Amino acid sequence: MHEMGIIIHLAETLDQTAEEEGLTNIGKVTLQVGEVSGIMTDYFEDCWNFFKRKHPVLQDSALVIETIPAVTYCSSCKKTYE
């Protein structure tokens, strides 16, 4: 379950950034996740909701996940497929 590792790293990075910028609260975090990344968005949201309680700057934050569609390029016919 790599979702947990990503969330832990994200929360720590946001803590550090908030401290550097003098922020006391982050209201929303938007992540772009590739369609074929293998991320299970339900697990991702569950991990976020768990770990944001452990990080005061994130306690009231919302997580927004934007899915980036997969794009395939065929080098033979020089076409892009979505």
Protein backbone atom coordinates (compact mmCIF):
# COMPACT_ATOMS: atom_id res chain seq x y z
CA MET A 1 0.00 0.00 0.00
CA HIS A 2 2.18 2.85 -1.29
CA GLU A 3 -0.63 5.36 -0.71
CA MET A 4 0.35 5.58 2.97
CA GLY A 5 3.99 6.32 2.17
CA ILE A 6 2.99 9.06 -0.26
CA ILE A 7 0.66 10.66 2.30
CA ILE A 8 3.30 10.51 5.06
CA HIS A 9 5.84 12.21 2.79
CA LEU A 10 3.25 14.78 1.65
CA ALA A 11 2.19 15.63 5.22
CA GLU A 12 5.82 16.06 6.32
CA THR A 13 6.57 18.24 3.30
CA LEU A 14 3.50 20.39 3.97
CA ASP A 15 4.48 20.75 7.63
CA GLN A 16 7.94 21.96 6.60
CA THR A 17 6.55 24.33 3.96
CA ALA A 18 3.99 25.76 6.39
CA GLU A 19 6.72 26.41 8.94
CA GLU A 20 8.97 28.09 6.36
CA GLU A 21 6.09 30.28 5.11
CA GLY A 22 4.61 31.04 8.53
CA LEU A 23 1.32 29.28 7.83
CA THR A 24 -0.85 27.98 10.65
CA ASN A 25 -3.53 26.32 8.52
CA ILE A 26 -3.77 24.75 5.08
CA GLY A 27 -7.34 24.68 3.76
CA LYS A 28 -7.02 22.50 0.67
CA VAL A 29 -4.46 20.25 -0.95
CA THR A 30 -4.89 19.38 -4.62
CA LEU A 31 -3.03 16.42 -6.07
CA GLN A 32 -2.87 15.36 -9.67
CA VAL A 33 -2.69 11.59 -9.99
CA GLY A 34 -2.10 9.77 -13.26
CA GLU A 35 -4.86 7.42 -14.36
CA VAL A 36 -2.42 4.51 -14.62
CA SER A 37 -0.36 5.38 -11.52
CA GLY A 38 -1.80 2.50 -9.53
CA ILE A 39 -2.99 4.83 -6.76
CA MET A 40 -6.15 3.62 -5.07
CA THR A 41 -7.92 6.92 -4.45
CA ASP A 42 -10.15 5.47 -1.70
CA TYR A 43 -7.07 4.34 0.26
CA PHE A 44 -5.41 7.65 -0.47
CA GLU A 45 -8.33 9.57 1.06
CA ASP A 46 -8.48 7.23 4.07
CA CYS A 47 -4.76 7.71 4.73
CA TRP A 48 -5.13 11.48 4.33
CA ASN A 49 -7.99 11.61 6.83
CA PHE A 50 -5.94 9.59 9.32
CA PHE A 51 -2.64 11.48 9.00
CA LYS A 52 -4.07 14.99 8.82
CA ARG A 53 -5.20 14.56 12.44
CA LYS A 54 -1.55 14.12 13.43
CA HIS A 55 -0.48 17.34 11.69
CA PRO A 56 -2.12 20.45 13.21
CA VAL A 57 -1.59 22.58 10.11
CA LEU A 58 -3.61 20.02 8.07
CA GLN A 59 -6.43 19.23 10.51
CA ASP A 60 -9.10 21.23 8.69
CA SER A 61 -7.79 20.64 5.19
CA ALA A 62 -9.59 19.02 2.30
CA LEU A 63 -7.89 16.69 -0.15
CA VAL A 64 -8.83 17.14 -3.80
CA ILE A 65 -7.65 14.47 -6.23
CA GLU A 66 -7.55 15.33 -9.92
CA THR A 67 -7.07 12.38 -12.26
CA ILE A 68 -4.83 12.93 -15.26
CA PRO A 69 -5.95 10.73 -18.16
CA ALA A 70 -3.54 8.23 -19.67
CA VAL A 71 -2.15 9.11 -23.09
CA THR A 72 -0.53 6.63 -25.44
CA TYR A 73 1.60 7.55 -28.42
CA CYS A 74 2.09 5.16 -31.33
CA SER A 75 5.49 5.71 -32.93
CA SER A 76 4.47 3.71 -36.05
CA CYS A 77 1.43 5.77 -37.01
CA LYS A 78 2.45 8.95 -35.12
CA LYS A 79 -0.93 9.19 -33.38
CA THR A 80 -1.79 9.97 -29.79
CA TYR A 81 -4.59 8.04 -28.10
CA GLU A 82 -6.40 9.03 -24.94
